[in-house]
Amino acid sequence: MAETSPFYRGYINPADHYSCAYKNYHTASVYAPMAPLVQMSSSGDIMENSSVTLTCSSDANPAAKYTWYKKNGDPDPQPLSKEAELVFRSIQSSDSGEYYCTAENDLGRRTSESISMNVIYGPKTSSVSVSPSGEIVEGGLVTLTCSSDAYPAANYTWYKENEDSPKASGQIFTTTGIYHFNSISSEDRGNYYCKSENQYGQIMSSSLPVDVQYAPRLPSVSVSPSAEIVENSSVNLTCSSDANPAAEYTWYKENEDSPKASGQIFTITDFRPEHSGNYYCEAQNRRGRHNSTLHLIVVAAAWKSVAAGMVSVVLLLVILLAVFLWMRRNKSFTQTSKVGERPDNSAQLHTSPVYGNMLAGAQRQPEEEEDELNYSSIQFSLSQQAALYSNFRPAQPHRQTEDEDEEEGVDYTRVKTDNNSSASGTRRQEDGEDLFALYSTVNKNNLNAT
């Protein structure tokens, strides 16, 4: 196309070149920018904090002016730079994305193809969440989610606090960062956290509490003191149950409608027999309730009855023994009286019965060697019979000293007669009565009498 005027007015095709000539002089062609070319200074992975330069170039006459943009979905994006080069001196993960440039002169404007720039970095943040976000009830479906900002994408490992092994159903890694409880139980409650990791680093998340609510388990009951319940004593009944939220406790007595007490501990300050029976505590929260029974009985009252019966038996035995001893003593006196009534005209003092009795006492077995009172009768050839009573101890199994023989080995017998007849011994006149003192010495070793 030729135009002879110094001016050209008309449509300009960006792909065309235009020039003008005067006589034999021909000017250089002018044309709009060609499609810009974008180049990146680094090849391969772009590590975070490294330096990266993007360059835009285009063939144009007159020379083009350049503008850089980043794709972000905005139809009217803001320019990043109006230079041919876009320089990142310390590139960050936030710089990842697609970039393009435009080349423009008076003849036209062209836009380059976009270039993708991915910055590689280890996990920056790691967060955890639970679904449902409200109350978690035992038996429900629960999902834990772990997410992290990382490139390439991180792998995730779940942990439960105070446990060293991963909590991921036997799987060490879960690339999606999601863990499901198909039917969560009370044993699953606790604090969970996850680890986000790729080849460029790792990071641990904060703890996520998972609170599983459930109805009270079977309550356990205890009694204090745990030994026998003594009447009129104080008794503490304690009820405890595993529940979430914490259980509230109410105490009842069997066959009674109204509660006896509320609270975990029920105290009976003055336990009496009428308090015996079956008690049960009820543990309750908003997820359910559970009961447990305890049987109480006053056993000390029964022991008191037995003790009273034993005392009665002992007293009865004491009374029977006293009666028996009394009857035996009366019988002994009766036999002595019968011996004293026997006629005996001997003029001599017959001491053989006395010696006979002493020998019998000396020949007794050791188990019978207890001091006992023996009575014997001695008769004289007097006109009136007089009873002679002698007291002596049985022979001891060991020898005594002379002093002891004098003190313990001599027994005295006193004889009283009512006439004036003389007898061997010592006679003393007292108030008109003749008293004969007969002293009988018993030698515990040889039983010689003087």
Protein backbone atom coordinates (compact mmCIF):
# COMPACT_ATOMS: atom_id res chain seq x y z
CA MET A 1 0.00 0.00 0.00
CA ALA A 2 1.41 3.41 -0.89
CA GLU A 3 0.47 6.73 0.52
CA THR A 4 1.92 9.94 -0.92
CA SER A 5 1.00 12.33 1.90
CA PRO A 6 3.34 12.91 4.82
CA PHE A 7 0.70 11.50 7.08
CA TYR A 8 -0.95 8.07 7.25
CA ARG A 9 -4.37 7.78 8.63
CA GLY A 10 -5.96 4.36 8.71
CA TYR A 11 -6.01 0.90 10.24
CA ILE A 12 -2.67 -0.46 11.38
CA ASN A 13 -2.26 -4.20 11.50
CA PRO A 14 0.03 -5.15 14.36
CA ALA A 15 1.56 -7.83 12.21
CA ASP A 16 2.53 -5.40 9.50
CA HIS A 17 5.65 -3.32 9.15
CA TYR A 18 5.41 0.28 8.03
CA SER A 19 8.04 2.62 6.55
CA CYS A 20 8.23 5.84 4.46
CA ALA A 21 10.54 7.03 1.72
CA TYR A 22 11.47 10.39 0.18
CA LYS A 23 13.12 10.31 -3.17
CA ASN A 24 16.00 7.87 -2.75
CA TYR A 25 15.82 7.71 1.07
CA HIS A 26 13.98 4.88 2.75
CA THR A 27 13.24 4.80 6.51
CA ALA A 28 13.39 1.78 8.77
CA SER A 29 10.17 -0.10 9.30
CA VAL A 30 8.05 0.53 12.32
CA TYR A 31 5.80 -2.14 13.74
CA ALA A 32 3.95 -3.15 16.85
CA PRO A 33 5.55 -5.49 19.44
CA MET A 34 5.79 -9.11 18.61
CA ALA A 35 4.52 -11.67 21.10
CA PRO A 36 6.60 -11.23 24.25
CA LEU A 37 8.83 -14.06 25.47
CA VAL A 38 9.17 -14.78 29.21
CA GLN A 39 12.25 -16.42 30.67
CA MET A 40 13.18 -17.49 34.21
CA SER A 41 16.72 -17.32 35.56
CA SER A 42 16.46 -20.59 37.54
CA SER A 43 15.65 -23.95 36.13
CA GLY A 44 14.13 -26.79 38.11
CA ASP A 45 12.89 -26.44 41.70
CA ILE A 46 12.80 -22.98 43.17
CA MET A 47 13.81 -23.13 46.78
CA GLU A 48 12.30 -20.69 49.19
CA ASN A 49 14.50 -17.71 50.03
CA SER A 50 16.47 -18.07 46.82
CA SER A 51 16.85 -15.30 44.14
CA VAL A 52 14.77 -15.56 40.95
CA THR A 53 14.47 -13.22 37.91
CA LEU A 54 11.75 -13.25 35.26
CA THR A 55 12.56 -11.49 31.94
CA CYS A 56 10.09 -10.26 29.32
CA SER A 57 11.25 -9.45 25.75
CA SER A 58 9.57 -8.51 22.48
CA ASP A 59 10.64 -7.36 19.02
CA ALA A 60 9.09 -3.94 18.38
CA ASN A 61 9.88 -0.66 16.68
CA PRO A 62 9.77 1.67 18.33
CA ALA A 63 10.97 -0.31 21.43
CA ALA A 64 8.27 -1.74 23.61
CA LYS A 65 7.53 -0.92 27.16
CA TYR A 66 6.90 -3.90 29.53
CA THR A 67 4.51 -4.54 32.39
CA TRP A 68 4.37 -7.60 34.72
CA TYR A 69 1.22 -9.21 36.17
CA LYS A 70 0.32 -12.21 38.35
CA LYS A 71 -2.75 -14.25 37.65
CA ASN A 72 -5.16 -14.15 40.57
CA GLY A 73 -8.56 -14.30 38.92
CA ASP A 74 -8.96 -10.55 38.96
CA PRO A 75 -10.17 -9.22 35.55
CA ASP A 76 -8.28 -6.00 36.16
CA PRO A 77 -5.09 -7.05 37.94
CA GLN A 78 -2.66 -4.59 39.39
CA PRO A 79 0.76 -4.33 37.65
CA LEU A 80 3.71 -5.73 39.61
CA SER A 81 6.45 -4.00 37.64
CA LYS A 82 6.98 -1.86 34.51
CA GLU A 83 10.41 -3.20 33.84
CA ALA A 84 11.53 -5.87 31.44
CA GLU A 85 12.73 -7.92 34.43
CA LEU A 86 10.79 -8.99 37.50
CA VAL A 87 13.29 -9.71 40.25
CA PHE A 88 12.65 -11.79 43.44
CA ARG A 89 15.67 -11.37 45.67
CA SER A 90 14.33 -13.75 48.37
CA ILE A 91 11.41 -15.58 46.97
CA GLN A 92 8.74 -16.81 49.38
CA SER A 93 6.08 -19.46 49.21
CA SER A 94 3.52 -16.75 48.74
CA ASP A 95 5.27 -15.82 45.46
CA SER A 96 4.27 -19.11 43.88
CA GLY A 97 1.84 -18.71 41.00
CA GLU A 98 1.52 -17.79 37.32
CA TYR A 99 3.08 -14.66 35.88
CA TYR A 100 2.81 -12.92 32.47
CA CYS A 101 3.95 -9.66 30.89
CA THR A 102 2.83 -7.18 28.18
CA ALA A 103 4.93 -5.34 25.58
CA GLU A 104 3.54 -2.11 24.22
CA ASN A 105 4.54 0.76 21.86
CA ASP A 106 2.69 3.32 19.78
CA LEU A 107 1.73 0.71 17.21
CA GLY A 108 0.26 -1.84 19.51
CA ARG A 109 0.27 -4.02 22.63
CA ARG A 110 0.94 -7.75 23.01
CA THR A 111 0.61 -10.13 26.00
CA SER A 112 2.92 -13.01 26.73
CA GLU A 113 2.10 -16.56 27.71
CA SER A 114 1.98 -17.12 31.44
CA ILE A 115 4.76 -18.87 33.27
CA SER A 116 4.23 -20.92 36.38
CA MET A 117 6.58 -20.49 39.28
CA ASN A 118 6.38 -22.99 42.17
CA VAL A 119 8.38 -22.32 45.30
CA ILE A 120 9.38 -25.46 47.19
CA TYR A 121 9.24 -25.35 51.01
CA GLY A 122 8.67 -27.48 54.06
CA PRO A 123 5.42 -27.37 56.06
CA LYS A 124 4.82 -23.91 57.45
CA THR A 125 1.68 -24.45 59.50
CA SER A 126 -0.19 -27.52 60.68
CA SER A 127 -3.72 -27.30 62.04
CA VAL A 128 -6.17 -29.94 63.28
CA SER A 129 -9.93 -29.96 63.47
CA VAL A 130 -12.67 -32.38 64.56
CA SER A 131 -16.09 -33.02 63.09
CA PRO A 132 -18.70 -32.72 64.50
CA SER A 133 -17.47 -29.64 66.26
CA GLY A 134 -20.03 -29.86 69.06
CA GLU A 135 -20.52 -32.57 71.69
CA ILE A 136 -19.20 -36.00 70.77
CA VAL A 137 -21.30 -38.92 72.03
CA GLU A 138 -20.01 -42.45 72.39
CA GLY A 139 -20.83 -44.61 69.37
CA GLY A 140 -20.91 -41.72 66.90
CA LEU A 141 -18.90 -41.06 63.72
CA VAL A 142 -16.03 -38.63 64.27
CA THR A 143 -13.49 -37.28 61.77
CA LEU A 144 -10.13 -35.69 62.57
CA THR A 145 -8.52 -33.49 59.90
CA CYS A 146 -4.93 -32.29 59.72
CA SER A 147 -3.89 -29.65 57.18
CA SER A 148 -0.63 -27.90 56.43
CA ASP A 149 0.85 -25.31 54.08
CA ALA A 150 3.65 -27.15 52.28
CA TYR A 151 5.00 -27.79 48.78
CA PRO A 152 5.10 -30.51 47.74
CA ALA A 153 2.08 -31.65 49.75
CA ALA A 154 2.86 -33.02 53.19
CA ASN A 155 2.26 -36.48 54.58
CA TYR A 156 0.54 -36.70 57.96
CA THR A 157 0.99 -38.84 61.04
CA TRP A 158 -1.51 -38.89 63.91
CA TYR A 159 -0.53 -39.14 67.58
CA LYS A 160 -2.39 -39.31 70.84
CA GLU A 161 -0.85 -37.50 73.79
CA ASN A 162 1.13 -39.67 76.23
CA GLU A 163 1.39 -42.38 73.60
CA ASP A 164 4.47 -42.92 71.47
CA SER A 165 2.87 -44.93 68.70
CA PRO A 166 0.92 -43.18 65.91
CA LYS A 167 -2.84 -43.17 66.28
CA ALA A 168 -3.86 -43.99 62.72
CA SER A 169 -5.34 -47.47 62.81
CA GLY A 170 -1.99 -49.05 62.08
CA GLN A 171 -1.19 -46.65 59.21
CA ILE A 172 1.90 -44.51 59.76
CA PHE A 173 1.10 -42.02 57.01
CA THR A 174 -2.21 -40.69 55.71
CA THR A 175 -1.69 -38.44 52.70
CA THR A 176 -5.10 -36.83 53.04
CA GLY A 177 -4.57 -35.90 56.67
CA ILE A 178 -8.00 -37.32 57.63
CA TYR A 179 -8.66 -39.98 60.26
CA HIS A 180 -12.11 -41.50 60.90
CA PHE A 181 -13.63 -43.03 64.07
CA ASN A 182 -16.50 -45.10 62.75
CA SER A 183 -17.83 -45.72 66.28
CA ILE A 184 -15.94 -43.68 68.81
CA SER A 185 -15.70 -45.04 72.38
CA SER A 186 -14.80 -43.64 75.76
CA GLU A 187 -11.29 -45.13 75.40
CA ASP A 188 -10.75 -42.84 72.36
CA ARG A 189 -11.09 -39.65 74.36
CA GLY A 190 -7.93 -37.63 74.80
CA ASN A 191 -5.74 -35.05 73.08
CA TYR A 192 -4.64 -35.66 69.48
CA TYR A 193 -2.03 -33.95 67.34
CA CYS A 194 -0.52 -34.57 63.92
CA LYS A 195 2.83 -34.23 62.21
CA SER A 196 3.09 -32.66 58.73
CA GLU A 197 6.17 -33.68 56.82
CA ASN A 198 7.77 -33.55 53.34
CA GLN A 199 11.33 -33.84 52.10
CA TYR A 200 12.03 -30.23 52.97
CA GLY A 201 10.89 -30.21 56.59
CA GLN A 202 8.28 -31.15 59.19
CA ILE A 203 6.12 -29.47 61.79
CA MET A 204 3.87 -30.63 64.65
CA SER A 205 0.38 -29.31 65.16
CA SER A 206 -1.10 -28.14 68.42
CA SER A 207 -3.18 -30.58 70.50
CA LEU A 208 -6.82 -31.17 69.72
CA PRO A 209 -8.97 -32.36 72.66
CA VAL A 210 -11.52 -35.02 71.80
CA ASP A 211 -14.08 -35.25 74.59
CA VAL A 212 -16.33 -38.31 74.36
CA GLN A 213 -19.46 -38.21 76.48
CA TYR A 214 -21.07 -41.39 77.85
CA ALA A 215 -23.54 -42.57 80.46
CA PRO A 216 -22.33 -43.67 83.93
CA ARG A 217 -20.80 -47.12 84.14
CA LEU A 218 -21.87 -49.57 86.88
CA PRO A 219 -21.20 -47.73 90.14
CA SER A 220 -18.99 -49.24 92.82
CA VAL A 221 -19.94 -48.82 96.48
CA SER A 222 -17.84 -49.12 99.62
CA VAL A 223 -18.37 -48.93 103.37
CA SER A 224 -16.09 -47.24 105.90
CA PRO A 225 -15.16 -48.64 108.31
CA SER A 226 -14.89 -51.85 106.31
CA ALA A 227 -15.02 -54.10 109.40
CA GLU A 228 -18.12 -55.09 111.33
CA ILE A 229 -20.63 -52.33 111.81
CA VAL A 230 -20.87 -51.51 115.49
CA GLU A 231 -24.20 -50.33 116.75
CA ASN A 232 -24.42 -46.56 117.41
CA SER A 233 -21.27 -45.98 115.34
CA SER A 234 -20.83 -43.71 112.31
CA VAL A 235 -20.86 -45.34 108.85
CA ASN A 236 -19.82 -43.75 105.54
CA LEU A 237 -21.18 -45.11 102.26
CA THR A 238 -19.26 -44.06 99.14
CA CYS A 239 -20.45 -44.40 95.55
CA SER A 240 -18.27 -43.84 92.48
CA SER A 241 -18.82 -44.30 88.75
CA ASP A 242 -16.91 -43.58 85.55
CA ALA A 243 -19.02 -41.10 83.59
CA ASN A 244 -18.67 -38.10 81.27
CA PRO A 245 -19.87 -35.58 82.17
CA ALA A 246 -19.34 -36.34 85.86
CA ALA A 247 -22.19 -38.23 87.48
CA GLU A 248 -24.48 -36.95 90.21
CA TYR A 249 -25.27 -39.43 93.00
CA THR A 250 -28.48 -40.16 94.91
CA TRP A 251 -28.87 -42.70 97.73
CA TYR A 252 -31.99 -44.80 98.31
CA LYS A 253 -33.03 -47.53 100.72
CA GLU A 254 -34.91 -50.50 99.35
CA ASN A 255 -38.71 -50.29 99.60
CA GLU A 256 -38.54 -46.55 100.35
CA ASP A 257 -39.63 -44.05 97.72
CA SER A 258 -37.91 -40.89 98.91
CA PRO A 259 -34.14 -40.61 98.61
CA LYS A 260 -32.03 -40.90 101.75
CA ALA A 261 -29.28 -38.52 100.65
CA SER A 262 -27.57 -36.95 97.66
CA GLY A 263 -23.88 -36.72 96.93
CA GLN A 264 -21.09 -39.21 96.50
CA ILE A 265 -20.78 -39.92 100.26
CA PHE A 266 -23.74 -40.85 102.49
CA THR A 267 -23.03 -40.74 106.27
CA ILE A 268 -25.15 -42.50 108.89
CA THR A 269 -24.00 -40.99 112.19
CA ASP A 270 -25.86 -43.30 114.59
CA PHE A 271 -26.23 -46.72 113.02
CA ARG A 272 -28.93 -48.82 114.66
CA PRO A 273 -30.51 -52.19 113.82
CA GLU A 274 -33.40 -50.50 112.03
CA HIS A 275 -30.88 -49.02 109.60
CA SER A 276 -30.02 -52.51 108.36
CA GLY A 277 -31.13 -53.38 104.85
CA ASN A 278 -30.33 -52.89 101.18
CA TYR A 279 -29.09 -49.50 100.05
CA TYR A 280 -28.39 -48.50 96.47
CA CYS A 281 -26.88 -45.44 94.86
CA GLU A 282 -27.90 -44.04 91.49
CA ALA A 283 -25.27 -42.39 89.27
CA GLN A 284 -26.82 -40.11 86.65
CA ASN A 285 -25.80 -37.62 83.98
CA ARG A 286 -27.52 -36.30 80.87
CA ARG A 287 -26.39 -39.37 78.90
CA GLY A 288 -28.03 -41.94 81.19
CA ARG A 289 -28.06 -43.53 84.65
CA HIS A 290 -26.95 -46.68 86.47
CA ASN A 291 -27.64 -48.23 89.91
CA SER A 292 -25.65 -50.33 92.36
CA THR A 293 -26.88 -52.14 95.53
CA LEU A 294 -25.19 -52.50 98.93
CA HIS A 295 -26.41 -54.69 101.81
CA LEU A 296 -25.81 -53.46 105.37
CA ILE A 297 -26.48 -55.24 108.66
CA VAL A 298 -25.57 -54.58 112.28
CA VAL A 299 -23.55 -57.62 113.28
CA ALA A 300 -22.32 -56.21 116.60
CA ALA A 301 -25.81 -56.61 118.16
CA ALA A 302 -25.69 -60.36 117.56
CA TRP A 303 -22.31 -60.58 119.25
CA LYS A 304 -23.70 -58.73 122.25
CA SER A 305 -26.46 -61.33 122.58
CA VAL A 306 -23.92 -64.13 122.40
CA ALA A 307 -21.76 -62.39 125.01
CA ALA A 308 -24.76 -61.95 127.29
CA GLY A 309 -25.60 -65.64 126.90
CA MET A 310 -22.04 -66.63 127.71
CA VAL A 311 -22.09 -64.48 130.84
CA SER A 312 -25.32 -66.18 131.91
CA VAL A 313 -23.80 -69.61 131.38
CA VAL A 314 -20.68 -68.68 133.38
CA LEU A 315 -22.81 -67.37 136.25
CA LEU A 316 -24.88 -70.55 136.24
CA LEU A 317 -21.73 -72.68 136.35
CA VAL A 318 -20.38 -70.63 139.27
CA ILE A 319 -23.64 -71.12 141.18
CA LEU A 320 -23.65 -74.87 140.50
CA LEU A 321 -20.02 -75.14 141.60
CA ALA A 322 -20.76 -73.25 144.82
CA VAL A 323 -23.73 -75.53 145.55
CA PHE A 324 -21.60 -78.59 144.85
CA LEU A 325 -18.83 -77.42 147.20
CA TRP A 326 -21.37 -76.55 149.87
CA MET A 327 -22.97 -79.97 149.62
CA ARG A 328 -19.58 -81.66 149.71
CA ARG A 329 -18.60 -79.76 152.83
CA ASN A 330 -21.89 -80.63 154.53
CA LYS A 331 -21.29 -84.25 153.68
CA SER A 332 -17.80 -84.07 155.22
CA PHE A 333 -19.22 -82.59 158.40
CA THR A 334 -21.85 -85.31 158.53
CA GLN A 335 -19.23 -88.05 158.23
CA THR A 336 -17.17 -86.41 160.98
CA SER A 337 -20.17 -86.29 163.28
CA LYS A 338 -20.86 -89.97 162.71
CA VAL A 339 -17.26 -90.87 163.56
CA GLY A 340 -17.47 -88.82 166.78
CA GLU A 341 -20.57 -90.74 167.93
CA ARG A 342 -18.84 -94.11 167.74
CA PRO A 343 -18.39 -95.73 171.23
CA ASP A 344 -14.77 -96.24 172.20
CA ASN A 345 -13.81 -97.35 175.79
CA SER A 346 -10.10 -97.26 175.29
CA ALA A 347 -8.28 -95.52 178.10
CA GLN A 348 -5.43 -94.48 175.88
CA LEU A 349 -5.31 -91.71 173.32
CA HIS A 350 -5.70 -93.32 169.96
CA THR A 351 -3.72 -91.34 167.45
CA SER A 352 -3.67 -93.86 164.69
CA PRO A 353 -6.57 -92.24 162.86
CA VAL A 354 -4.65 -88.99 162.87
CA TYR A 355 -1.55 -90.64 161.48
CA GLY A 356 -3.62 -92.49 159.00
CA ASN A 357 -5.04 -89.28 157.70
CA MET A 358 -1.62 -87.62 157.58
CA LEU A 359 -0.13 -90.51 155.66
CA ALA A 360 -2.97 -90.39 153.26
CA GLY A 361 -2.29 -86.71 152.72
CA ALA A 362 1.42 -87.33 152.29
CA GLN A 363 0.85 -90.03 149.69
CA ARG A 364 -1.34 -87.92 147.45
CA GLN A 365 -0.22 -87.20 143.93
CA PRO A 366 1.45 -83.83 143.12
CA GLU A 367 -1.67 -82.53 141.36
CA GLU A 368 -3.56 -82.90 144.62
CA GLU A 369 -0.90 -81.12 146.64
CA GLU A 370 -2.91 -78.04 147.44
CA ASP A 371 -3.52 -76.78 150.94
CA GLU A 372 -6.74 -78.20 152.17
CA LEU A 373 -8.49 -78.42 155.52
CA ASN A 374 -8.65 -81.96 157.04
CA TYR A 375 -10.65 -82.93 160.05
CA SER A 376 -9.98 -85.92 162.36
CA SER A 377 -11.58 -87.16 165.52
CA ILE A 378 -9.64 -88.27 168.64
CA GLN A 379 -11.48 -89.87 171.56
CA PHE A 380 -10.40 -90.22 175.14
CA SER A 381 -11.50 -92.72 177.83
CA LEU A 382 -13.32 -89.98 179.62
CA SER A 383 -16.78 -89.96 180.98
CA GLN A 384 -17.76 -87.48 178.36
CA GLN A 385 -16.68 -87.60 174.76
CA ALA A 386 -14.88 -84.58 173.38
CA ALA A 387 -14.30 -83.93 169.74
CA LEU A 388 -10.76 -83.22 168.73
CA TYR A 389 -10.20 -81.29 165.55
CA SER A 390 -6.82 -81.02 163.95
CA ASN A 391 -5.68 -78.96 161.03
CA PHE A 392 -2.59 -79.84 159.11
CA ARG A 393 -1.11 -79.38 155.69
CA PRO A 394 -0.13 -82.23 153.37
CA ALA A 395 3.53 -83.00 152.87
CA GLN A 396 5.32 -80.70 150.42
CA PRO A 397 7.42 -82.12 147.65
CA HIS A 398 10.60 -80.30 148.74
CA ARG A 399 12.48 -79.85 152.02
CA GLN A 400 11.94 -76.82 154.16
CA THR A 401 14.45 -75.07 156.37
CA GLU A 402 14.28 -75.40 160.07
CA ASP A 403 12.65 -72.00 160.40
CA GLU A 404 10.12 -72.90 157.79
CA ASP A 405 9.45 -76.22 159.57
CA GLU A 406 8.84 -74.33 162.72
CA GLU A 407 6.49 -71.89 161.02
CA GLU A 408 4.76 -73.98 158.39
CA GLY A 409 5.35 -77.58 159.38
CA VAL A 410 3.75 -77.51 162.88
CA ASP A 411 0.03 -77.86 163.28
CA TYR A 412 -1.66 -77.38 166.58
CA THR A 413 -4.60 -79.33 167.92
CA ARG A 414 -6.67 -78.04 170.74
CA VAL A 415 -8.54 -80.49 172.99
CA LYS A 416 -11.31 -79.43 175.26
CA THR A 417 -12.78 -81.60 177.99
CA ASP A 418 -15.51 -80.79 180.46
CA ASN A 419 -14.27 -82.93 183.47
CA ASN A 420 -11.30 -82.78 185.76
CA SER A 421 -9.55 -85.87 184.47
CA SER A 422 -5.93 -85.52 183.54
CA ALA A 423 -4.41 -86.37 180.23
CA SER A 424 -1.00 -86.16 178.70
CA GLY A 425 -0.11 -82.64 177.65
CA THR A 426 -0.26 -79.33 179.44
CA ARG A 427 -3.17 -78.57 181.79
CA ARG A 428 -4.47 -75.11 182.54
CA GLN A 429 -7.32 -74.11 184.83
CA GLU A 430 -9.51 -71.42 183.28
CA ASP A 431 -12.91 -70.41 184.64
CA GLY A 432 -13.51 -73.79 186.23
CA GLU A 433 -12.89 -75.66 183.01
CA ASP A 434 -10.10 -78.12 182.40
CA LEU A 435 -8.41 -77.40 179.16
CA PHE A 436 -6.05 -79.86 177.66
CA ALA A 437 -3.76 -78.61 174.97
CA LEU A 438 -2.53 -81.38 172.77
CA TYR A 439 0.19 -80.30 170.41
CA SER A 440 0.78 -82.49 167.44
CA THR A 441 3.86 -81.86 165.31
CA VAL A 442 3.81 -83.20 161.78
CA ASN A 443 7.19 -83.65 160.12
CA LYS A 444 6.63 -83.34 156.43
CA ASN A 445 9.65 -85.48 155.64
CA ASN A 446 9.17 -88.47 157.96
CA LEU A 447 5.73 -87.79 159.44
CA ASN A 448 6.88 -88.30 163.11
CA ALA A 449 4.44 -86.98 165.64
CA THR A 450 5.32 -85.63 169.03
